[in-house]
C-alpha atoms as a PDB file:
ATOM      1  CA  MET A   1    -101.283  44.948   6.466  1.00  0.00           C
ATOM      2  CA  GLU A   2     -99.113  43.513   9.217  1.00  0.00           C
ATOM      3  CA  LEU A   3     -96.332  45.984   8.383  1.00  0.00           C
ATOM      4  CA  ILE A   4     -98.709  48.902   8.794  1.00  0.00           C
ATOM      5  CA  LYS A   5    -100.021  47.402  12.043  1.00  0.00           C
ATOM      6  CA  SER A   6     -96.474  47.039  13.349  1.00  0.00           C
ATOM      7  CA  LEU A   7     -95.747  50.640  12.382  1.00  0.00           C
ATOM      8  CA  PHE A   8     -98.833  51.786  14.278  1.00  0.00           C
ATOM      9  CA  HIS A   9     -97.695  49.796  17.330  1.00  0.00           C
ATOM     10  CA  ILE A  10     -94.264  51.438  17.247  1.00  0.00           C
ATOM     11  CA  ILE A  11     -95.750  54.921  16.836  1.00  0.00           C
ATOM     12  CA  ASN A  12     -98.166  54.214  19.696  1.00  0.00           C
ATOM     13  CA  VAL A  13     -95.465  53.105  22.106  1.00  0.00           C
ATOM     14  CA  LEU A  14     -93.078  55.950  21.220  1.00  0.00           C
ATOM     15  CA  SER A  15     -95.793  58.598  21.571  1.00  0.00           C
ATOM     16  CA  ALA A  16     -96.906  57.125  24.905  1.00  0.00           C
ATOM     17  CA  LEU A  17     -93.344  57.205  26.230  1.00  0.00           C
ATOM     18  CA  SER A  18     -92.825  60.756  24.976  1.00  0.00           C
ATOM     19  CA  VAL A  19     -96.050  61.925  26.673  1.00  0.00           C
ATOM     20  CA  ILE A  20     -94.846  60.376  29.944  1.00  0.00           C
ATOM     21  CA  VAL A  21     -91.427  62.065  29.687  1.00  0.00           C
ATOM     22  CA  LEU A  22     -92.886  65.426  28.693  1.00  0.00           C
ATOM     23  CA  VAL A  23     -95.356  65.431  31.567  1.00  0.00           C
ATOM     24  CA  LEU A  24     -92.559  64.666  33.972  1.00  0.00           C
ATOM     25  CA  LEU A  25     -90.425  67.487  32.559  1.00  0.00           C
ATOM     26  CA  GLN A  26     -93.113  70.157  33.022  1.00  0.00           C
ATOM     27  CA  HIS A  27     -92.698  72.527  35.911  1.00  0.00           C
ATOM     28  CA  GLY A  28     -95.402  72.074  38.541  1.00  0.00           C
ATOM     29  CA  LYS A  29     -96.176  73.823  41.822  1.00  0.00           C
ATOM     30  CA  GLY A  30     -93.296  72.274  43.746  1.00  0.00           C
ATOM     31  CA  ALA A  31     -89.826  71.112  42.936  1.00  0.00           C
ATOM     32  CA  ASP A  32     -90.243  68.379  40.352  1.00  0.00           C
ATOM     33  CA  MET A  33     -88.223  66.835  37.587  1.00  0.00           C
ATOM     34  CA  GLY A  34     -88.704  69.845  35.313  1.00  0.00           C
ATOM     35  CA  ALA A  35     -86.796  72.063  37.720  1.00  0.00           C
ATOM     36  CA  ALA A  36     -83.895  69.644  37.660  1.00  0.00           C
ATOM     37  CA  PHE A  37     -83.444  70.201  33.926  1.00  0.00           C
ATOM     38  CA  GLY A  38     -83.643  73.993  34.205  1.00  0.00           C
ATOM     39  CA  SER A  39     -87.131  74.627  32.913  1.00  0.00           C
ATOM     40  CA  GLY A  40     -87.701  77.199  35.645  1.00  0.00           C
ATOM     41  CA  SER A  41     -84.786  79.479  34.820  1.00  0.00           C
ATOM     42  CA  ALA A  42     -85.258  82.724  32.945  1.00  0.00           C
ATOM     43  CA  GLY A  43     -82.036  82.370  30.989  1.00  0.00           C
ATOM     44  CA  SER A  44     -83.003  79.139  29.251  1.00  0.00           C
ATOM     45  CA  LEU A  45     -83.398  78.661  25.526  1.00  0.00           C
ATOM     46  CA  PHE A  46     -87.133  79.446  25.523  1.00  0.00           C
ATOM     47  CA  GLY A  47     -87.171  82.264  28.132  1.00  0.00           C
ATOM     48  CA  SER A  48     -89.026  82.351  31.421  1.00  0.00           C
ATOM     49  CA  SER A  49     -92.393  81.101  30.185  1.00  0.00           C
ATOM     50  CA  GLY A  50     -91.463  79.787  26.757  1.00  0.00           C
ATOM     51  CA  SER A  51     -90.436  76.366  27.930  1.00  0.00           C
ATOM     52  CA  ALA A  52     -93.792  75.800  29.596  1.00  0.00           C
ATOM     53  CA  ASN A  53     -95.614  76.689  26.381  1.00  0.00           C
ATOM     54  CA  PHE A  54     -93.269  74.553  24.318  1.00  0.00           C
ATOM     55  CA  LEU A  55     -93.568  71.544  26.656  1.00  0.00           C
ATOM     56  CA  SER A  56     -97.348  71.783  26.925  1.00  0.00           C
ATOM     57  CA  ARG A  57     -97.804  72.103  23.171  1.00  0.00           C
ATOM     58  CA  THR A  58     -95.396  69.246  22.499  1.00  0.00           C
ATOM     59  CA  THR A  59     -97.265  67.143  25.047  1.00  0.00           C
ATOM     60  CA  ALA A  60    -100.570  67.937  23.361  1.00  0.00           C
ATOM     61  CA  VAL A  61     -99.168  66.970  19.923  1.00  0.00           C
ATOM     62  CA  CYS A  62     -97.772  63.692  21.279  1.00  0.00           C
ATOM     63  CA  ALA A  63    -101.100  62.934  22.969  1.00  0.00           C
ATOM     64  CA  ILE A  64    -102.951  63.533  19.684  1.00  0.00           C
ATOM     65  CA  ILE A  65    -100.499  61.241  17.886  1.00  0.00           C
ATOM     66  CA  PHE A  66    -101.000  58.621  20.571  1.00  0.00           C
ATOM     67  CA  PHE A  67    -104.795  58.664  20.314  1.00  0.00           C
ATOM     68  CA  CYS A  68    -104.767  58.724  16.491  1.00  0.00           C
ATOM     69  CA  SER A  69    -102.474  55.691  16.365  1.00  0.00           C
ATOM     70  CA  LEU A  70    -104.660  53.972  18.944  1.00  0.00           C
ATOM     71  CA  PHE A  71    -107.796  54.621  16.904  1.00  0.00           C
ATOM     72  CA  GLY A  72    -105.942  53.383  13.821  1.00  0.00           C
ATOM     73  CA  LEU A  73    -105.097  50.111  15.577  1.00  0.00           C
ATOM     74  CA  VAL A  74    -108.686  49.670  16.704  1.00  0.00           C
ATOM     75  CA  TRP A  75    -110.008  50.368  13.236  1.00  0.00           C
ATOM     76  CA  MET A  76    -107.604  47.860  11.641  1.00  0.00           C
ATOM     77  CA  ASP A  77    -108.539  45.171  14.158  1.00  0.00           C
ATOM     78  CA  ASN A  78    -112.256  45.724  13.607  1.00  0.00           C
ATOM     79  CA  HIS A  79    -111.796  45.794   9.822  1.00  0.00           C
ATOM     80  CA  ALA A  80    -109.859  42.499   9.926  1.00  0.00           C
ATOM     81  CA  ALA A  81    -112.437  40.912  12.226  1.00  0.00           C
ATOM     82  CA  ALA A  82    -115.319  41.946   9.985  1.00  0.00           C
ATOM     83  CA  ALA A  83    -113.539  40.486   6.960  1.00  0.00           C
ATOM     84  CA  LYS A  84    -113.290  37.134   8.754  1.00  0.00           C
ATOM     85  CA  GLY A  85    -116.949  37.269   9.788  1.00  0.00           C
ATOM     86  CA  ASP A  86    -116.125  37.610  13.440  1.00  0.00           C
ATOM     87  CA  ILE A  87    -118.850  39.733  15.009  1.00  0.00           C
ATOM     88  CA  GLY A  88    -117.516  39.922  18.536  1.00  0.00           C
ATOM     89  CA  VAL A  89    -117.372  37.978  21.740  1.00  0.00           C
ATOM     90  CA  MET A  90    -120.664  36.194  21.027  1.00  0.00           C
ATOM     91  CA  SER A  91    -119.545  34.899  17.618  1.00  0.00           C
ATOM     92  CA  THR A  92    -118.442  31.545  19.072  1.00  0.00           C
ATOM     93  CA  VAL A  93    -121.675  30.906  20.986  1.00  0.00           C
ATOM     94  CA  GLN A  94    -123.919  28.379  19.314  1.00  0.00           C
ATOM     95  CA  GLN A  95    -127.614  28.408  20.049  1.00  0.00           C
ATOM     96  CA  LYS A  96    -129.117  25.028  20.795  1.00  0.00           C
ATOM     97  CA  ALA A  97    -132.508  24.295  19.269  1.00  0.00           C
ATOM     98  CA  PRO A  98    -135.088  22.792  21.637  1.00  0.00           C
ATOM     99  CA  GLU A  99    -135.430  19.040  21.302  1.00  0.00           C
ATOM    100  CA  GLN A 100    -138.602  17.721  19.701  1.00  0.00           C
ATOM    101  CA  GLY A 101    -141.033  15.801  21.891  1.00  0.00           C
ATOM    102  CA  THR A 102    -139.694  16.920  25.249  1.00  0.00           C
ATOM    103  CA  GLN A 103    -141.932  19.941  25.617  1.00  0.00           C
ATOM    104  CA  LYS A 104    -145.453  19.360  26.848  1.00  0.00           C
ATOM    105  CA  PRO A 105    -148.273  21.326  25.269  1.00  0.00           C
ATOM    106  CA  PRO A 106    -149.990  23.805  27.550  1.00  0.00           C
ATOM    107  CA  ALA A 107    -152.899  22.333  29.531  1.00  0.00           C
ATOM    108  CA  ALA A 108    -156.400  23.266  28.349  1.00  0.00           C
ATOM    109  CA  PRO A 109    -158.578  25.100  30.865  1.00  0.00           C
ATOM    110  CA  ALA A 110    -161.051  22.932  32.750  1.00  0.00           C
ATOM    111  CA  GLN A 111    -164.591  23.208  31.430  1.00  0.00           C
ATOM    112  CA  ASN A 112    -167.688  23.408  33.591  1.00  0.00           C
ATOM    113  CA  ASP A 113    -170.635  21.135  32.667  1.00  0.00           C
ATOM    114  CA  LYS A 114    -173.203  23.739  33.516  1.00  0.00           C
ATOM    115  CA  GLN A 115    -171.532  26.466  31.610  1.00  0.00           C
ATOM    116  CA  GLY A 116    -174.001  28.722  29.820  1.00  0.00           C
ATOM    117  CA  SER A 117    -177.172  27.254  31.470  1.00  0.00           C
ATOM    118  CA  ILE A 118    -179.748  29.667  32.814  1.00  0.00           C
ATOM    119  CA  PRO A 119    -181.417  28.740  36.167  1.00  0.00           C
ATOM    120  CA  ASN A 120    -185.279  28.729  36.242  1.00  0.00           C
END
């Protein structure tokens, strides 16, 4: 299980780094890092608009891989915690029972001596 968890961590980090790099490579409104690598030229490998489509699709695929690996890590952590009986942050809190004899019973209401008598 730890090997799979380590594999998910590696996939998660690599996909996060690739999303960062791909976003920086994309051509925006101004001169950005994408223009430095020639993504704005018409004579490139993908044509004038092909590189934008390729980069945006690759970014979307890497983002999907990132979120799937993240959900896999969360699922594995929750599955392992449920197997140990850990139910969350409140699992270590112990409730204290009230001590016997320290609580006073509620006071009875005061009774009137002439209660229920009818005047003549």
